[in-house]
Amino acid sequence: MYGWGIIKTLWMTLYHFAMTYVEDVRSWLPRGKESASEGGSIPGVARGEHTHGVFTVQYPSERRELPERYRNFPFFVIDAETEQLRCTACGICAQICPVQCIWIQRAKDPETGRPRRYPVSYYLDTSQCMTCGFCAEFCPFDAIKMDKDFELASYSRPGFMSAKDLAKPEAYHASIHPTAYAEEAAKKK
């Protein structure tokens, strides 16, 4: 009973070990025009995300393509027509955040004291943010989107980022998420 399970486990390990080299052996065989477009000169970079085999990407000079739905820290969208932040300071993003790393303060009218529809201050603590994307998912005004920039290393702790630090134009969102941007544009029409 136990012996057969161990044999099956070892066989599965040996199978996966051998399959890592199958793609490399196939790339050595001539396949005509397909091999140039599929393998390319940089192994693993021009291949797809479902590539098998052993390869090394020389990171700073060679980079693998990130999937379109990849997400990292959120950013504010600056509306193309009005050149203003889309944020209306409704506070839903701060309420839905599971780690409570978003702080928002709504502007007030100096004469009447009534709340205005824009934020006075908006802070995101990047040291706590777990990039879940709930803030972007639940924003009713599409004012928050998820960024793809993952190279955020620095010598100091980033800490709080304000709305000015997080603001990017709508064209930036269209360039990093073209499919999602097209779906949003179709819904607006």
N, C-alpha and C. Protein backbone atom coordinates (compact mmCIF):
# COMPACT_ATOMS: atom_id res chain seq x y z
N MET A 1 0.81 -1.18 0.00
CA MET A 1 0.00 0.00 0.00
C MET A 1 0.86 1.26 0.00
N TYR A 2 1.72 1.39 1.01
CA TYR A 2 2.56 2.57 1.10
C TYR A 2 3.64 2.56 0.03
N GLY A 3 4.14 1.39 -0.31
CA GLY A 3 5.20 1.28 -1.31
C GLY A 3 4.74 1.76 -2.68
N TRP A 4 3.51 1.42 -3.06
CA TRP A 4 2.98 1.84 -4.37
C TRP A 4 2.81 3.36 -4.44
N GLY A 5 2.38 3.97 -3.36
CA GLY A 5 2.23 5.43 -3.32
C GLY A 5 3.57 6.14 -3.45
N ILE A 6 4.60 5.58 -2.81
CA ILE A 6 5.94 6.17 -2.92
C ILE A 6 6.46 6.04 -4.35
N ILE A 7 6.23 4.91 -4.97
CA ILE A 7 6.68 4.70 -6.35
C ILE A 7 5.97 5.67 -7.30
N LYS A 8 4.65 5.84 -7.12
CA LYS A 8 3.92 6.79 -7.96
C LYS A 8 4.42 8.21 -7.77
N THR A 9 4.72 8.59 -6.55
CA THR A 9 5.22 9.93 -6.27
C THR A 9 6.58 10.15 -6.90
N LEU A 10 7.46 9.17 -6.78
CA LEU A 10 8.79 9.30 -7.39
C LEU A 10 8.69 9.33 -8.91
N TRP A 11 7.77 8.56 -9.48
CA TRP A 11 7.58 8.57 -10.93
C TRP A 11 7.08 9.95 -11.40
N MET A 12 6.17 10.54 -10.66
CA MET A 12 5.66 11.87 -11.01
C MET A 12 6.78 12.91 -10.94
N THR A 13 7.62 12.82 -9.94
CA THR A 13 8.75 13.74 -9.82
C THR A 13 9.72 13.58 -10.98
N LEU A 14 10.02 12.34 -11.35
CA LEU A 14 10.90 12.07 -12.47
C LEU A 14 10.28 12.56 -13.78
N TYR A 15 8.99 12.38 -13.95
CA TYR A 15 8.29 12.84 -15.15
C TYR A 15 8.40 14.36 -15.29
N HIS A 16 8.11 15.11 -14.22
CA HIS A 16 8.18 16.57 -14.29
C HIS A 16 9.62 17.06 -14.50
N PHE A 17 10.58 16.36 -13.92
CA PHE A 17 11.98 16.71 -14.14
C PHE A 17 12.35 16.53 -15.61
N ALA A 18 11.92 15.45 -16.22
CA ALA A 18 12.25 15.21 -17.64
C ALA A 18 11.51 16.18 -18.55
N MET A 19 10.27 16.54 -18.20
CA MET A 19 9.50 17.44 -19.05
C MET A 19 10.06 18.86 -19.07
N THR A 20 10.85 19.24 -18.08
CA THR A 20 11.46 20.57 -18.11
C THR A 20 12.47 20.70 -19.24
N TYR A 21 13.01 19.58 -19.70
CA TYR A 21 14.01 19.63 -20.76
C TYR A 21 13.44 19.33 -22.14
N VAL A 22 12.21 18.86 -22.24
CA VAL A 22 11.62 18.50 -23.52
C VAL A 22 11.50 19.73 -24.43
N GLU A 23 11.06 20.86 -23.89
CA GLU A 23 10.90 22.07 -24.69
C GLU A 23 12.24 22.55 -25.23
N ASP A 24 13.30 22.41 -24.41
CA ASP A 24 14.63 22.79 -24.88
C ASP A 24 15.11 21.90 -26.01
N VAL A 25 14.85 20.62 -25.91
CA VAL A 25 15.26 19.69 -26.96
C VAL A 25 14.46 19.97 -28.24
N ARG A 26 13.18 20.27 -28.11
CA ARG A 26 12.37 20.60 -29.28
C ARG A 26 12.86 21.87 -29.97
N SER A 27 13.35 22.83 -29.21
CA SER A 27 13.82 24.08 -29.81
C SER A 27 15.10 23.87 -30.61
N TRP A 28 15.84 22.82 -30.32
CA TRP A 28 17.06 22.55 -31.08
C TRP A 28 16.75 21.92 -32.43
N LEU A 29 15.62 21.25 -32.54
CA LEU A 29 15.25 20.59 -33.79
C LEU A 29 14.75 21.62 -34.79
N PRO A 30 15.13 21.50 -36.07
CA PRO A 30 14.65 22.48 -37.06
C PRO A 30 13.16 22.28 -37.33
N ARG A 31 12.39 23.39 -37.26
CA ARG A 31 10.97 23.32 -37.53
C ARG A 31 10.55 24.31 -38.60
N GLY A 32 11.48 24.92 -39.26
CA GLY A 32 11.13 25.85 -40.33
C GLY A 32 10.87 27.23 -39.78
N LYS A 33 9.88 27.91 -40.31
CA LYS A 33 9.60 29.30 -39.95
C LYS A 33 8.99 29.43 -38.56
N GLU A 34 8.39 28.37 -38.05
CA GLU A 34 7.75 28.44 -36.74
C GLU A 34 8.75 28.70 -35.62
N SER A 35 9.94 28.11 -35.73
CA SER A 35 10.90 28.20 -34.63
C SER A 35 11.38 29.63 -34.39
N ALA A 36 11.49 30.43 -35.44
CA ALA A 36 11.96 31.80 -35.26
C ALA A 36 10.94 32.64 -34.50
N SER A 37 9.66 32.47 -34.81
CA SER A 37 8.65 33.27 -34.14
C SER A 37 8.33 32.74 -32.75
N GLU A 38 8.47 31.44 -32.55
CA GLU A 38 8.10 30.86 -31.28
C GLU A 38 9.21 30.98 -30.25
N GLY A 39 10.42 30.63 -30.63
CA GLY A 39 11.52 30.62 -29.67
C GLY A 39 12.21 31.96 -29.58
N GLY A 40 12.49 32.56 -30.72
CA GLY A 40 13.18 33.84 -30.72
C GLY A 40 14.62 33.71 -30.30
N SER A 41 15.31 34.81 -30.20
CA SER A 41 16.70 34.78 -29.82
C SER A 41 16.87 34.81 -28.30
N ILE A 42 15.84 35.21 -27.59
CA ILE A 42 15.91 35.25 -26.13
C ILE A 42 15.00 34.14 -25.60
N PRO A 43 15.57 33.04 -25.13
CA PRO A 43 14.73 31.94 -24.67
C PRO A 43 13.86 32.35 -23.49
N GLY A 44 12.60 32.00 -23.55
CA GLY A 44 11.69 32.27 -22.45
C GLY A 44 11.03 33.63 -22.50
N VAL A 45 11.62 34.56 -23.20
CA VAL A 45 11.04 35.89 -23.26
C VAL A 45 10.04 35.95 -24.40
N ALA A 46 10.41 35.45 -25.56
CA ALA A 46 9.51 35.47 -26.71
C ALA A 46 8.51 34.32 -26.65
N ARG A 47 8.79 33.32 -25.86
CA ARG A 47 7.83 32.22 -25.70
C ARG A 47 6.64 32.72 -24.91
N GLY A 48 5.64 31.97 -24.74
CA GLY A 48 4.46 32.43 -24.02
C GLY A 48 4.59 32.20 -22.54
N GLU A 49 3.53 32.52 -21.83
CA GLU A 49 3.53 32.32 -20.39
C GLU A 49 3.34 30.85 -20.03
N HIS A 50 2.90 30.04 -20.99
CA HIS A 50 2.70 28.62 -20.75
C HIS A 50 3.88 27.81 -21.23
N THR A 51 5.06 28.39 -21.27
CA THR A 51 6.24 27.73 -21.77
C THR A 51 6.79 26.78 -20.72
N HIS A 52 7.21 25.62 -21.16
CA HIS A 52 7.87 24.66 -20.29
C HIS A 52 9.33 24.61 -20.69
N GLY A 53 10.13 24.12 -19.83
CA GLY A 53 11.55 24.00 -20.13
C GLY A 53 12.36 24.85 -19.18
N VAL A 54 13.65 24.66 -19.25
CA VAL A 54 14.55 25.38 -18.38
C VAL A 54 15.16 26.53 -19.17
N PHE A 55 15.03 27.72 -18.66
CA PHE A 55 15.65 28.88 -19.29
C PHE A 55 15.88 29.92 -18.22
N THR A 56 16.80 30.80 -18.50
CA THR A 56 17.13 31.88 -17.58
C THR A 56 16.92 33.19 -18.30
N VAL A 57 16.26 34.11 -17.63
CA VAL A 57 16.07 35.44 -18.18
C VAL A 57 17.09 36.35 -17.50
N GLN A 58 17.92 36.99 -18.28
CA GLN A 58 18.92 37.92 -17.75
C GLN A 58 18.19 39.22 -17.43
N TYR A 59 17.71 39.35 -16.18
CA TYR A 59 16.67 40.31 -15.84
C TYR A 59 16.89 41.76 -16.25
N PRO A 60 17.91 42.44 -15.90
CA PRO A 60 17.87 43.87 -16.25
C PRO A 60 17.81 44.12 -17.75
N SER A 61 18.48 43.28 -18.54
CA SER A 61 18.49 43.53 -19.98
C SER A 61 17.36 42.80 -20.70
N GLU A 62 16.91 41.68 -20.18
CA GLU A 62 15.81 40.92 -20.78
C GLU A 62 14.67 40.87 -19.78
N ARG A 63 13.45 41.05 -20.26
CA ARG A 63 12.29 41.04 -19.37
C ARG A 63 11.18 40.19 -19.97
N ARG A 64 10.53 39.43 -19.14
CA ARG A 64 9.36 38.69 -19.60
C ARG A 64 8.18 39.65 -19.64
N GLU A 65 7.29 39.42 -20.57
CA GLU A 65 6.10 40.25 -20.67
C GLU A 65 5.15 39.94 -19.51
N LEU A 66 4.63 41.00 -18.92
CA LEU A 66 3.65 40.82 -17.85
C LEU A 66 2.28 40.62 -18.48
N PRO A 67 1.45 39.79 -17.89
CA PRO A 67 0.09 39.66 -18.41
C PRO A 67 -0.66 40.99 -18.28
N GLU A 68 -1.64 41.18 -19.13
CA GLU A 68 -2.38 42.44 -19.10
C GLU A 68 -3.12 42.65 -17.78
N ARG A 69 -3.58 41.59 -17.17
CA ARG A 69 -4.33 41.71 -15.92
C ARG A 69 -3.44 41.77 -14.68
N TYR A 70 -2.11 41.85 -14.86
CA TYR A 70 -1.21 41.98 -13.73
C TYR A 70 -1.52 43.28 -13.00
N ARG A 71 -1.44 43.24 -11.68
CA ARG A 71 -1.72 44.45 -10.92
C ARG A 71 -0.69 44.63 -9.81
N ASN A 72 -0.45 45.89 -9.50
CA ASN A 72 0.41 46.25 -8.39
C ASN A 72 -0.29 47.36 -7.64
N PHE A 73 0.40 48.38 -7.20
CA PHE A 73 -0.22 49.43 -6.41
C PHE A 73 -1.23 50.22 -7.23
N PRO A 74 -2.26 50.74 -6.58
CA PRO A 74 -3.27 51.54 -7.30
C PRO A 74 -2.74 52.91 -7.69
N PHE A 75 -3.39 53.50 -8.70
CA PHE A 75 -3.09 54.88 -9.07
C PHE A 75 -4.40 55.58 -9.40
N PHE A 76 -4.39 56.91 -9.30
CA PHE A 76 -5.55 57.73 -9.62
C PHE A 76 -5.56 58.04 -11.10
N VAL A 77 -6.74 58.06 -11.67
CA VAL A 77 -6.89 58.41 -13.08
C VAL A 77 -7.21 59.90 -13.19
N ILE A 78 -6.44 60.58 -14.03
CA ILE A 78 -6.71 61.98 -14.35
C ILE A 78 -7.56 61.99 -15.60
N ASP A 79 -8.75 62.55 -15.52
CA ASP A 79 -9.68 62.56 -16.64
C ASP A 79 -9.10 63.35 -17.81
N ALA A 80 -9.24 62.81 -19.02
CA ALA A 80 -8.67 63.45 -20.21
C ALA A 80 -9.38 64.75 -20.57
N GLU A 81 -10.68 64.81 -20.31
CA GLU A 81 -11.45 66.01 -20.69
C GLU A 81 -11.26 67.17 -19.71
N THR A 82 -11.35 66.89 -18.43
CA THR A 82 -11.32 67.95 -17.42
C THR A 82 -9.93 68.21 -16.84
N GLU A 83 -8.98 67.30 -17.05
CA GLU A 83 -7.62 67.41 -16.50
C GLU A 83 -7.63 67.42 -14.96
N GLN A 84 -8.67 66.86 -14.36
CA GLN A 84 -8.79 66.78 -12.90
C GLN A 84 -8.88 65.31 -12.50
N LEU A 85 -8.61 65.06 -11.23
CA LEU A 85 -8.79 63.70 -10.71
C LEU A 85 -10.27 63.33 -10.78
N ARG A 86 -10.53 62.07 -11.08
CA ARG A 86 -11.92 61.60 -11.11
C ARG A 86 -12.47 61.37 -9.71
N CYS A 87 -11.62 61.33 -8.73
CA CYS A 87 -12.02 61.02 -7.37
C CYS A 87 -12.99 62.06 -6.83
N THR A 88 -14.08 61.59 -6.24
CA THR A 88 -15.07 62.47 -5.63
C THR A 88 -15.04 62.39 -4.11
N ALA A 89 -14.03 61.72 -3.56
CA ALA A 89 -13.85 61.58 -2.11
C ALA A 89 -15.05 60.92 -1.45
N CYS A 90 -15.62 59.93 -2.10
CA CYS A 90 -16.76 59.23 -1.51
C CYS A 90 -16.34 58.34 -0.34
N GLY A 91 -15.09 57.88 -0.33
CA GLY A 91 -14.58 57.10 0.79
C GLY A 91 -14.83 55.62 0.71
N ILE A 92 -15.38 55.12 -0.38
CA ILE A 92 -15.64 53.69 -0.49
C ILE A 92 -14.34 52.90 -0.49
N CYS A 93 -13.31 53.45 -1.14
CA CYS A 93 -12.03 52.75 -1.19
C CYS A 93 -11.44 52.58 0.21
N ALA A 94 -11.56 53.59 1.05
CA ALA A 94 -11.04 53.51 2.41
C ALA A 94 -11.85 52.53 3.26
N GLN A 95 -13.15 52.45 3.00
CA GLN A 95 -13.99 51.53 3.77
C GLN A 95 -13.77 50.08 3.36
N ILE A 96 -13.53 49.83 2.09
CA ILE A 96 -13.42 48.46 1.59
C ILE A 96 -12.02 47.88 1.77
N CYS A 97 -11.02 48.72 2.00
CA CYS A 97 -9.63 48.26 2.11
C CYS A 97 -9.48 47.31 3.30
N PRO A 98 -9.04 46.06 3.06
CA PRO A 98 -8.96 45.09 4.16
C PRO A 98 -7.88 45.42 5.20
N VAL A 99 -6.81 46.11 4.80
CA VAL A 99 -5.75 46.43 5.75
C VAL A 99 -5.81 47.87 6.22
N GLN A 100 -6.80 48.63 5.76
CA GLN A 100 -7.02 50.01 6.17
C GLN A 100 -5.77 50.87 5.94
N CYS A 101 -5.23 50.80 4.73
CA CYS A 101 -4.04 51.58 4.41
C CYS A 101 -4.37 52.83 3.60
N ILE A 102 -5.65 53.15 3.42
CA ILE A 102 -6.07 54.32 2.67
C ILE A 102 -6.74 55.30 3.63
N TRP A 103 -6.28 56.57 3.59
CA TRP A 103 -6.88 57.63 4.38
C TRP A 103 -7.30 58.73 3.41
N ILE A 104 -8.55 59.17 3.56
CA ILE A 104 -9.07 60.20 2.66
C ILE A 104 -9.81 61.25 3.48
N GLN A 105 -9.63 62.51 3.08
CA GLN A 105 -10.32 63.61 3.74
C GLN A 105 -11.02 64.43 2.66
N ARG A 106 -12.30 64.61 2.83
CA ARG A 106 -13.11 65.32 1.85
C ARG A 106 -13.02 66.83 2.08
N ALA A 107 -13.02 67.56 0.98
CA ALA A 107 -12.96 69.02 1.07
C ALA A 107 -14.29 69.58 1.59
N LYS A 108 -14.21 70.73 2.25
CA LYS A 108 -15.41 71.38 2.77
C LYS A 108 -15.49 72.79 2.22
N ASP A 109 -16.71 73.23 2.01
CA ASP A 109 -16.95 74.61 1.56
C ASP A 109 -16.65 75.54 2.73
N PRO A 110 -15.79 76.55 2.53
CA PRO A 110 -15.43 77.41 3.67
C PRO A 110 -16.60 78.23 4.21
N GLU A 111 -17.56 78.55 3.39
CA GLU A 111 -18.68 79.39 3.84
C GLU A 111 -19.74 78.58 4.58
N THR A 112 -20.17 77.48 3.98
CA THR A 112 -21.27 76.71 4.56
C THR A 112 -20.80 75.52 5.38
N GLY A 113 -19.60 75.03 5.14
CA GLY A 113 -19.11 73.87 5.86
C GLY A 113 -19.60 72.55 5.29
N ARG A 114 -20.30 72.61 4.15
CA ARG A 114 -20.78 71.38 3.51
C ARG A 114 -19.63 70.68 2.77
N PRO A 115 -19.72 69.37 2.66
CA PRO A 115 -18.66 68.64 1.95
C PRO A 115 -18.68 68.93 0.45
N ARG A 116 -17.48 68.96 -0.15
CA ARG A 116 -17.33 69.16 -1.59
C ARG A 116 -16.97 67.82 -2.23
N ARG A 117 -17.03 67.77 -3.56
CA ARG A 117 -16.83 66.50 -4.26
C ARG A 117 -15.40 66.30 -4.76
N TYR A 118 -14.42 66.60 -3.93
CA TYR A 118 -13.03 66.30 -4.27
C TYR A 118 -12.24 66.14 -2.97
N PRO A 119 -11.15 65.39 -3.01
CA PRO A 119 -10.39 65.16 -1.78
C PRO A 119 -9.42 66.30 -1.48
N VAL A 120 -9.32 66.66 -0.22
CA VAL A 120 -8.29 67.60 0.23
C VAL A 120 -6.99 66.83 0.39
N SER A 121 -7.08 65.68 1.01
CA SER A 121 -5.91 64.82 1.17
C SER A 121 -6.32 63.37 0.97
N TYR A 122 -5.42 62.63 0.35
CA TYR A 122 -5.64 61.21 0.10
C TYR A 122 -4.28 60.55 0.25
N TYR A 123 -4.17 59.61 1.16
CA TYR A 123 -2.90 58.94 1.40
C TYR A 123 -3.06 57.44 1.31
N LEU A 124 -2.07 56.81 0.73
CA LEU A 124 -2.01 55.36 0.62
C LEU A 124 -0.69 54.91 1.22
N ASP A 125 -0.75 54.06 2.22
CA ASP A 125 0.47 53.54 2.85
C ASP A 125 0.93 52.33 2.06
N THR A 126 1.95 52.50 1.22
CA THR A 126 2.41 51.41 0.35
C THR A 126 3.11 50.31 1.12
N SER A 127 3.57 50.60 2.34
CA SER A 127 4.21 49.55 3.13
C SER A 127 3.19 48.56 3.66
N GLN A 128 1.92 48.94 3.72
CA GLN A 128 0.87 48.04 4.19
C GLN A 128 0.02 47.48 3.05
N CYS A 129 -0.03 48.17 1.92
CA CYS A 129 -0.91 47.77 0.82
C CYS A 129 -0.56 46.37 0.33
N MET A 130 -1.55 45.51 0.22
CA MET A 130 -1.31 44.14 -0.25
C MET A 130 -1.75 43.95 -1.69
N THR A 131 -2.00 45.03 -2.41
CA THR A 131 -2.35 45.06 -3.83
C THR A 131 -3.49 44.10 -4.18
N CYS A 132 -4.51 44.09 -3.36
CA CYS A 132 -5.65 43.22 -3.60
C CYS A 132 -6.54 43.75 -4.72
N GLY A 133 -6.57 45.05 -4.92
CA GLY A 133 -7.36 45.65 -5.98
C GLY A 133 -8.81 45.94 -5.62
N PHE A 134 -9.17 45.78 -4.35
CA PHE A 134 -10.54 46.06 -3.94
C PHE A 134 -10.89 47.53 -4.14
N CYS A 135 -9.93 48.42 -3.90
CA CYS A 135 -10.21 49.85 -4.05
C CYS A 135 -10.57 50.17 -5.50
N ALA A 136 -9.89 49.57 -6.45
CA ALA A 136 -10.19 49.80 -7.87
C ALA A 136 -11.47 49.09 -8.28
N GLU A 137 -11.72 47.93 -7.69
CA GLU A 137 -12.90 47.14 -8.04
C GLU A 137 -14.19 47.84 -7.61
N PHE A 138 -14.19 48.44 -6.42
CA PHE A 138 -15.41 49.01 -5.87
C PHE A 138 -15.57 50.50 -6.12
N CYS A 139 -14.61 51.14 -6.76
CA CYS A 139 -14.72 52.58 -7.02
C CYS A 139 -15.84 52.82 -8.04
N PRO A 140 -16.90 53.55 -7.67
CA PRO A 140 -18.03 53.74 -8.58
C PRO A 140 -17.74 54.72 -9.71
N PHE A 141 -16.66 55.49 -9.61
CA PHE A 141 -16.36 56.50 -10.62
C PHE A 141 -15.16 56.12 -11.49
N ASP A 142 -14.66 54.90 -11.37
CA ASP A 142 -13.46 54.44 -12.10
C ASP A 142 -12.30 55.40 -11.91
N ALA A 143 -12.15 55.90 -10.69
CA ALA A 143 -11.09 56.85 -10.39
C ALA A 143 -9.79 56.17 -9.98
N ILE A 144 -9.86 54.92 -9.58
CA ILE A 144 -8.68 54.18 -9.15
C ILE A 144 -8.50 52.98 -10.07
N LYS A 145 -7.29 52.79 -10.54
CA LYS A 145 -6.92 51.64 -11.36
C LYS A 145 -5.65 51.03 -10.79
N MET A 146 -5.37 49.80 -11.18
CA MET A 146 -4.18 49.12 -10.68
C MET A 146 -3.04 49.28 -11.69
N ASP A 147 -1.87 49.61 -11.19
CA ASP A 147 -0.70 49.86 -12.01
C ASP A 147 0.06 48.57 -12.28
N LYS A 148 0.95 48.59 -13.27
CA LYS A 148 1.79 47.44 -13.58
C LYS A 148 3.24 47.66 -13.18
N ASP A 149 3.57 48.82 -12.67
CA ASP A 149 4.95 49.14 -12.33
C ASP A 149 5.33 48.40 -11.05
N PHE A 150 6.29 47.48 -11.15
CA PHE A 150 6.69 46.71 -9.98
C PHE A 150 8.09 47.03 -9.52
N GLU A 151 8.82 47.84 -10.23
CA GLU A 151 10.18 48.19 -9.85
C GLU A 151 10.16 49.44 -8.97
N LEU A 152 9.85 49.24 -7.71
CA LEU A 152 9.69 50.35 -6.79
C LEU A 152 10.74 50.34 -5.69
N ALA A 153 11.87 49.70 -5.93
CA ALA A 153 12.91 49.60 -4.92
C ALA A 153 13.53 50.97 -4.67
N SER A 154 13.81 51.23 -3.41
CA SER A 154 14.46 52.48 -3.04
C SER A 154 15.27 52.23 -1.78
N TYR A 155 16.11 53.19 -1.44
CA TYR A 155 16.94 53.06 -0.25
C TYR A 155 16.21 53.47 1.02
N SER A 156 15.08 54.15 0.87
CA SER A 156 14.30 54.54 2.04
C SER A 156 12.93 53.87 1.96
N ARG A 157 12.30 53.79 3.07
CA ARG A 157 10.97 53.19 3.12
C ARG A 157 9.98 54.14 2.45
N PRO A 158 9.19 53.64 1.48
CA PRO A 158 8.33 54.56 0.74
C PRO A 158 7.23 55.18 1.60
N GLY A 159 6.61 54.41 2.47
CA GLY A 159 5.59 54.95 3.35
C GLY A 159 4.38 55.50 2.62
N PHE A 160 3.97 56.70 3.02
CA PHE A 160 2.75 57.29 2.49
C PHE A 160 2.98 57.89 1.11
N MET A 161 2.01 57.69 0.24
CA MET A 161 2.01 58.32 -1.07
C MET A 161 0.72 59.12 -1.17
N SER A 162 0.81 60.35 -1.60
CA SER A 162 -0.38 61.20 -1.70
C SER A 162 -1.02 61.04 -3.07
N ALA A 163 -2.14 61.71 -3.26
CA ALA A 163 -2.86 61.63 -4.54
C ALA A 163 -2.03 62.19 -5.67
N LYS A 164 -1.19 63.18 -5.40
CA LYS A 164 -0.33 63.75 -6.44
C LYS A 164 0.71 62.74 -6.90
N ASP A 165 1.22 61.94 -5.97
CA ASP A 165 2.20 60.91 -6.32
C ASP A 165 1.58 59.77 -7.11
N LEU A 166 0.31 59.51 -6.87
CA LEU A 166 -0.37 58.38 -7.48
C LEU A 166 -1.14 58.74 -8.75
N ALA A 167 -1.20 60.00 -9.12
CA ALA A 167 -2.02 60.43 -10.26
C ALA A 167 -1.31 60.17 -11.59
N LYS A 168 -2.04 59.56 -12.53
CA LYS A 168 -1.54 59.30 -13.87
C LYS A 168 -2.67 59.55 -14.87
N PRO A 169 -2.34 59.95 -16.09
CA PRO A 169 -3.40 60.27 -17.06
C PRO A 169 -4.15 59.04 -17.55
N GLU A 170 -5.31 59.29 -18.09
CA GLU A 170 -6.16 58.22 -18.61
C GLU A 170 -5.48 57.47 -19.75
N ALA A 171 -4.64 58.15 -20.52
CA ALA A 171 -3.91 57.51 -21.62
C ALA A 171 -2.95 56.45 -21.10
N TYR A 172 -2.40 56.65 -19.91
CA TYR A 172 -1.52 55.65 -19.30
C TYR A 172 -2.30 54.37 -19.01
N HIS A 173 -3.49 54.53 -18.46
CA HIS A 173 -4.34 53.36 -18.21
C HIS A 173 -4.67 52.63 -19.50
N ALA A 174 -4.95 53.38 -20.57
CA ALA A 174 -5.26 52.77 -21.86
C ALA A 174 -4.07 52.02 -22.42
N SER A 175 -2.86 52.47 -22.13
CA SER A 175 -1.67 51.81 -22.68
C SER A 175 -1.31 50.53 -21.94
N ILE A 176 -1.54 50.47 -20.62
CA ILE A 176 -1.16 49.26 -19.88
C ILE A 176 -2.28 48.23 -19.80
N HIS A 177 -3.52 48.64 -19.94
CA HIS A 177 -4.66 47.73 -19.90
C HIS A 177 -5.59 48.00 -21.09
N PRO A 178 -5.17 47.70 -22.32
CA PRO A 178 -5.99 48.06 -23.48
C PRO A 178 -7.34 47.35 -23.54
N THR A 179 -7.40 46.09 -23.16
CA THR A 179 -8.66 45.36 -23.21
C THR A 179 -9.66 45.91 -22.19
N ALA A 180 -9.21 46.12 -20.97
CA ALA A 180 -10.08 46.66 -19.92
C ALA A 180 -10.53 48.07 -20.27
N TYR A 181 -9.65 48.87 -20.86
CA TYR A 181 -10.00 50.23 -21.24
C TYR A 181 -11.07 50.22 -22.35
N ALA A 182 -10.93 49.31 -23.30
CA ALA A 182 -11.92 49.20 -24.39
C ALA A 182 -13.29 48.76 -23.83
N GLU A 183 -13.28 47.83 -22.86
CA GLU A 183 -14.53 47.40 -22.25
C GLU A 183 -15.20 48.54 -21.51
N GLU A 184 -14.42 49.36 -20.79
CA GLU A 184 -14.98 50.50 -20.08
C GLU A 184 -15.54 51.54 -21.04
N ALA A 185 -14.82 51.79 -22.14
CA ALA A 185 -15.29 52.75 -23.12
C ALA A 185 -16.58 52.29 -23.78
N ALA A 186 -16.71 50.97 -24.01
CA ALA A 186 -17.95 50.43 -24.60
C ALA A 186 -19.12 50.56 -23.63
N LYS A 187 -18.86 50.40 -22.33
CA LYS A 187 -19.94 50.54 -21.32
C LYS A 187 -20.41 51.98 -21.21
N LYS A 188 -19.50 52.94 -21.39
CA LYS A 188 -19.87 54.35 -21.27
C LYS A 188 -20.72 54.83 -22.43
N LYS A 189 -20.58 54.20 -23.58
CA LYS A 189 -21.34 54.64 -24.76
C LYS A 189 -22.75 54.17 -24.75
